[in-house]
């Protein structure tokens, strides 16, 4: 799955966020955010619950207005309307067991779901759906009702749906939640394969471990502030302690990174409750 790109598009940012701020009620989630996502780059967005990670993705999609600043995606100012060259992969939440649509129907929504009226079984669309099903390894269950599929199988189909238009920019919101290790690895592999075509990826996650090997930079949001850099620059005791304004320790245990003592975003302004948060 590839897309045509001019020489300029291979060196120009796919996403530019300039001096951005978002307020929710009387609380400012973050301000002064500058971020560029380049072709082939994967940036992971980390931070505690309530820090504005999903809100950031919604702002890029044009579903959430900024309080200040601007967002330019694929060369166009984001103004609240969709862009079919931006793919979106949501959290891996299981669909209801009674959902009767087939797996291929879920993928087909990414191919023809933007059209008004009942979907027409065009030959070109059928071929595209089949190609996407094969690309995400879903051939064996594509004709079964999605409600009876496992969470990992459903998420593979969602990946196919998100990649239907060969998006140059892919936004992922906790795409590995509730998946077992094998399915996490499979979905990460699909995201990475698309990134290698030259697409940019902005991936929200609470656990950096499954994607640490393919991450270029990390944007860490916490306590109304943020830091941006490579994993080795951001995931340190010193940097996260400064970001939270409280003692935070980054430990390596069994080949995984663990943050100890990070205050919860909602309570940090009032008191600090120590807890462990696995991040890598």
Protein backbone atom coordinates (compact mmCIF):
# COMPACT_ATOMS: atom_id res chain seq x y z
CA UNK A 1 0.00 0.00 0.00
CA UNK A 2 1.79 3.09 -1.23
CA UNK A 3 1.00 6.64 -2.22
CA UNK A 4 2.58 8.92 -4.78
CA UNK A 5 4.71 11.64 -3.24
CA UNK A 6 6.52 14.52 -4.87
CA UNK A 7 10.17 15.18 -3.93
CA UNK A 8 9.05 18.20 -1.89
CA UNK A 9 6.47 16.20 0.05
CA UNK A 10 9.16 13.77 1.17
CA UNK A 11 11.03 16.57 2.98
CA UNK A 12 8.13 18.80 4.08
CA UNK A 13 6.28 18.24 7.37
CA UNK A 14 3.03 16.32 7.06
CA UNK A 15 1.75 17.91 10.25
CA UNK A 16 2.64 21.28 11.73
CA UNK A 17 1.30 22.44 15.09
CA UNK A 18 2.31 25.97 16.01
CA UNK A 19 2.02 27.64 19.43
CA UNK A 20 -1.12 25.61 20.17
CA UNK A 21 -3.15 25.71 23.35
CA UNK A 22 -6.36 24.01 24.46
CA UNK A 23 -8.49 24.88 27.48
CA UNK A 24 -11.19 22.66 28.91
CA UNK A 25 -13.60 24.48 31.20
CA UNK A 26 -11.31 26.46 33.51
CA UNK A 27 -8.27 24.22 33.04
CA UNK A 28 -5.58 24.58 30.40
CA UNK A 29 -4.48 21.19 29.11
CA UNK A 30 -1.36 22.57 27.44
CA UNK A 31 -0.13 25.70 25.67
CA UNK A 32 2.77 26.77 23.45
CA UNK A 33 2.88 23.39 21.73
CA UNK A 34 5.05 23.29 18.60
CA UNK A 35 5.27 19.97 16.79
CA UNK A 36 6.15 18.77 13.31
CA UNK A 37 5.67 15.23 12.00
CA UNK A 38 7.87 14.38 9.03
CA UNK A 39 7.28 11.69 6.37
CA UNK A 40 8.19 8.29 7.76
CA UNK A 41 8.30 9.54 11.35
CA UNK A 42 6.43 7.97 14.27
CA UNK A 43 5.83 10.14 17.32
CA UNK A 44 4.33 8.57 20.44
CA UNK A 45 2.17 10.73 22.71
CA UNK A 46 2.37 9.78 26.39
CA UNK A 47 0.96 11.18 29.60
CA UNK A 48 -1.47 10.49 32.42
CA UNK A 49 -5.23 10.36 32.03
CA UNK A 50 -6.67 13.82 31.47
CA UNK A 51 -3.49 15.35 30.06
CA UNK A 52 -5.00 15.99 26.63
CA UNK A 53 -3.60 13.18 24.50
CA UNK A 54 -6.85 12.24 22.75
CA UNK A 55 -7.81 15.92 22.61
CA UNK A 56 -4.66 16.53 20.57
CA UNK A 57 -5.72 13.93 18.00
CA UNK A 58 -9.21 15.43 17.88
CA UNK A 59 -7.68 18.83 17.19
CA UNK A 60 -5.67 17.42 14.27
CA UNK A 61 -8.86 15.82 12.92
CA UNK A 62 -10.64 19.18 13.16
CA UNK A 63 -13.07 17.92 15.82
CA UNK A 64 -11.66 20.08 18.62
CA UNK A 65 -10.90 23.78 18.26
CA UNK A 66 -7.72 25.31 19.62
CA UNK A 67 -7.76 28.09 22.18
CA UNK A 68 -4.63 29.50 20.54
CA UNK A 69 -2.31 28.63 17.67
CA UNK A 70 -2.78 26.72 14.44
CA UNK A 71 -2.58 23.25 12.91
CA UNK A 72 -1.63 22.53 9.30
CA UNK A 73 -2.09 18.96 8.09
CA UNK A 74 -0.88 17.83 4.66
CA UNK A 75 -0.38 21.43 3.61
CA UNK A 76 -3.88 22.61 4.55
CA UNK A 77 -5.00 24.56 7.60
CA UNK A 78 -7.24 22.39 9.77
CA UNK A 79 -10.65 24.07 9.85
CA UNK A 80 -13.08 21.46 11.12
CA UNK A 81 -13.66 19.32 8.06
CA UNK A 82 -12.30 15.88 7.39
CA UNK A 83 -9.39 14.95 5.16
CA UNK A 84 -9.46 11.50 3.56
CA UNK A 85 -5.68 11.42 3.49
CA UNK A 86 -5.61 11.39 7.29
CA UNK A 87 -6.27 7.93 8.69
CA UNK A 88 -7.62 7.31 12.18
CA UNK A 89 -7.21 4.14 14.23
CA UNK A 90 -9.27 4.19 17.46
CA UNK A 91 -8.87 2.31 20.70
CA UNK A 92 -9.21 -1.47 20.56
CA UNK A 93 -12.64 -1.60 22.18
CA UNK A 94 -14.55 -4.81 21.40
CA UNK A 95 -17.65 -4.40 19.28
CA UNK A 96 -20.90 -5.77 20.76
CA UNK A 97 -21.36 -9.52 20.37
CA UNK A 98 -24.62 -8.96 18.47
CA UNK A 99 -22.91 -6.87 15.76
CA UNK A 100 -23.77 -8.76 12.62
CA UNK A 101 -21.82 -6.95 9.91
CA UNK A 102 -19.03 -9.02 8.44
CA UNK A 103 -15.39 -8.21 8.87
CA UNK A 104 -15.09 -7.16 5.24
CA UNK A 105 -18.02 -4.79 5.71
CA UNK A 106 -16.10 -3.01 8.46
CA UNK A 107 -13.11 -2.59 6.15
CA UNK A 108 -15.40 -1.48 3.32
CA UNK A 109 -16.57 1.48 5.40
CA UNK A 110 -13.11 2.93 4.93
CA UNK A 111 -13.36 2.48 1.18
CA UNK A 112 -16.89 3.68 0.42
CA UNK A 113 -18.24 4.94 3.75
CA UNK A 114 -17.81 8.57 2.66
CA UNK A 115 -20.41 8.19 -0.08
CA UNK A 116 -24.05 9.05 0.41
CA UNK A 117 -26.68 6.37 -0.06
CA UNK A 118 -26.31 2.59 0.11
CA UNK A 119 -22.85 1.29 -0.77
CA UNK A 120 -22.61 0.00 -4.32
CA UNK A 121 -20.59 -3.19 -4.84
CA UNK A 122 -18.24 -1.69 -7.41
CA UNK A 123 -15.58 -4.03 -8.73
CA UNK A 124 -12.80 -1.59 -7.90
CA UNK A 125 -14.06 -1.27 -4.32
CA UNK A 126 -14.27 -5.03 -3.87
CA UNK A 127 -10.71 -5.40 -5.11
CA UNK A 128 -9.51 -2.69 -2.72
CA UNK A 129 -11.29 -4.30 0.25
CA UNK A 130 -9.78 -7.69 -0.61
CA UNK A 131 -6.30 -6.14 -0.85
CA UNK A 132 -6.70 -4.46 2.56
CA UNK A 133 -7.96 -7.69 4.14
CA UNK A 134 -4.92 -9.54 2.85
CA UNK A 135 -2.59 -6.74 3.97
CA UNK A 136 -3.76 -6.98 7.59
CA UNK A 137 -3.87 -10.78 7.63
CA UNK A 138 -7.66 -11.01 8.01
CA UNK A 139 -8.53 -13.36 5.14
CA UNK A 140 -9.40 -16.21 7.50
CA UNK A 141 -12.13 -14.30 9.36
CA UNK A 142 -13.19 -11.51 7.00
CA UNK A 143 -16.55 -13.13 6.20
CA UNK A 144 -17.52 -13.80 9.81
CA UNK A 145 -19.69 -11.42 11.87
CA UNK A 146 -17.40 -8.95 13.64
CA UNK A 147 -19.27 -9.44 16.92
CA UNK A 148 -17.92 -12.98 17.28
CA UNK A 149 -14.32 -12.05 16.50
CA UNK A 150 -11.62 -11.55 19.11
CA UNK A 151 -10.42 -8.09 20.04
CA UNK A 152 -7.22 -8.60 18.08
CA UNK A 153 -9.09 -9.72 14.97
CA UNK A 154 -11.41 -6.72 15.20
CA UNK A 155 -8.45 -4.36 15.55
CA UNK A 156 -6.75 -5.82 12.48
CA UNK A 157 -9.91 -5.00 10.54
CA UNK A 158 -9.91 -1.47 11.95
CA UNK A 159 -6.34 -1.08 10.73
CA UNK A 160 -7.51 -2.09 7.26
CA UNK A 161 -10.29 0.46 7.47
CA UNK A 162 -7.89 3.20 8.61
CA UNK A 163 -5.50 2.46 5.73
CA UNK A 164 -8.21 2.36 3.05
CA UNK A 165 -7.10 5.62 1.42
CA UNK A 166 -3.36 5.12 1.90
CA UNK A 167 -3.31 7.96 4.44
CA UNK A 168 -0.20 10.12 4.41
CA UNK A 169 -0.84 10.88 8.08
CA UNK A 170 -2.07 8.18 10.48
CA UNK A 171 -3.48 9.05 13.92
CA UNK A 172 -3.71 6.19 16.42
CA UNK A 173 -5.52 6.51 19.75
CA UNK A 174 -4.53 3.75 22.19
CA UNK A 175 -4.65 1.14 19.38
CA UNK A 176 -3.19 -1.66 21.54
CA UNK A 177 -5.48 -1.41 24.58
CA UNK A 178 -6.81 -4.80 25.76
CA UNK A 179 -4.85 -6.75 23.14
CA UNK A 180 -2.66 -9.69 24.07
CA UNK A 181 1.05 -9.59 23.26
CA UNK A 182 0.73 -11.45 19.94
CA UNK A 183 -1.98 -9.13 18.65
CA UNK A 184 -0.12 -6.07 19.93
CA UNK A 185 2.90 -7.14 17.90
CA UNK A 186 0.74 -7.77 14.84
CA UNK A 187 -0.93 -4.34 14.98
CA UNK A 188 2.40 -2.59 15.67
CA UNK A 189 3.85 -4.36 12.63
CA UNK A 190 1.00 -3.11 10.44
CA UNK A 191 1.42 0.47 11.67
CA UNK A 192 5.18 0.30 11.16
CA UNK A 193 4.81 -1.15 7.65
CA UNK A 194 2.59 1.78 6.67
CA UNK A 195 5.00 4.26 8.26
CA UNK A 196 7.76 2.81 6.09
CA UNK A 197 5.86 3.84 2.94
CA UNK A 198 6.55 7.45 3.95
CA UNK A 199 3.50 8.16 6.07
CA UNK A 200 3.73 10.07 9.34
CA UNK A 201 2.25 8.52 12.49
CA UNK A 202 1.06 10.20 15.70
CA UNK A 203 0.31 7.44 18.21
CA UNK A 204 -1.27 7.95 21.63
CA UNK A 205 -0.44 5.21 24.11
CA UNK A 206 -0.26 4.62 27.85
CA UNK A 207 2.40 1.91 27.42
CA UNK A 208 5.38 2.69 25.20
CA UNK A 209 6.86 -0.79 25.53
CA UNK A 210 5.17 -2.42 22.50
CA UNK A 211 6.21 0.43 20.16
CA UNK A 212 9.49 1.55 21.71
CA UNK A 213 11.60 -0.03 18.97
CA UNK A 214 9.85 1.94 16.20
CA UNK A 215 9.37 5.31 17.93
CA UNK A 216 11.38 8.25 16.63
CA UNK A 217 10.30 10.85 19.19
CA UNK A 218 8.04 11.11 22.23
CA UNK A 219 5.70 13.94 23.15
CA UNK A 220 5.00 13.66 26.88
CA UNK A 221 2.06 15.69 28.25
CA UNK A 222 1.64 16.13 32.00
CA UNK A 223 0.49 18.68 34.54
CA UNK A 224 -0.32 21.28 31.86
CA UNK A 225 3.19 21.07 30.43
CA UNK A 226 4.97 18.96 27.84
CA UNK A 227 8.37 17.79 26.68
CA UNK A 228 9.43 16.51 23.26
CA UNK A 229 12.46 14.48 22.26
CA UNK A 230 13.84 11.04 21.53
CA UNK A 231 12.95 8.21 23.94
CA UNK A 232 16.39 8.41 25.57
CA UNK A 233 15.96 12.16 26.06
CA UNK A 234 12.42 12.08 27.47
CA UNK A 235 12.14 8.86 29.45
CA UNK A 236 14.49 9.76 32.27
CA UNK A 237 14.01 10.32 35.97
CA UNK A 238 15.25 13.91 35.69
CA UNK A 239 13.06 14.97 32.76
CA UNK A 240 9.84 13.43 34.05
CA UNK A 241 10.41 14.73 37.58
CA UNK A 242 10.76 18.24 36.16
CA UNK A 243 7.68 17.78 33.98
CA UNK A 244 5.47 16.57 36.84
CA UNK A 245 6.99 18.86 39.43
CA UNK A 246 7.33 15.89 41.75
CA UNK A 247 9.77 13.00 42.26
CA UNK A 248 9.29 10.49 39.45
CA UNK A 249 11.58 7.53 38.80
CA UNK A 250 12.14 5.68 35.52
CA UNK A 251 13.22 2.11 36.11
CA UNK A 252 14.09 -0.77 33.82
CA UNK A 253 12.67 -4.10 34.93
CA UNK A 254 12.70 -7.27 32.88
CA UNK A 255 13.55 -5.34 29.73
CA UNK A 256 10.61 -2.95 30.24
CA UNK A 257 10.54 0.64 31.43
CA UNK A 258 8.38 1.54 34.40
CA UNK A 259 7.54 5.00 35.74
CA UNK A 260 7.20 5.08 39.53
CA UNK A 261 5.52 7.90 41.43
CA UNK A 262 3.89 9.83 38.57
CA UNK A 263 0.99 11.83 40.06
CA UNK A 264 -2.42 11.46 38.48
CA UNK A 265 -3.21 14.35 36.15
CA UNK A 266 -6.53 15.15 37.84
CA UNK A 267 -5.15 15.20 41.39
CA UNK A 268 -1.65 16.55 40.82
CA UNK A 269 -2.71 20.11 41.49
CA UNK A 270 -3.92 19.14 44.96
CA UNK A 271 -1.79 16.27 46.18
CA UNK A 272 0.58 13.60 44.94
CA UNK A 273 -0.48 9.97 45.07
CA UNK A 274 2.37 7.64 44.21
CA UNK A 275 1.61 4.83 41.80
CA UNK A 276 3.44 2.77 39.23
CA UNK A 277 2.81 3.33 35.55
CA UNK A 278 4.33 1.03 32.96
CA UNK A 279 5.49 3.15 30.04
CA UNK A 280 7.97 1.17 28.07
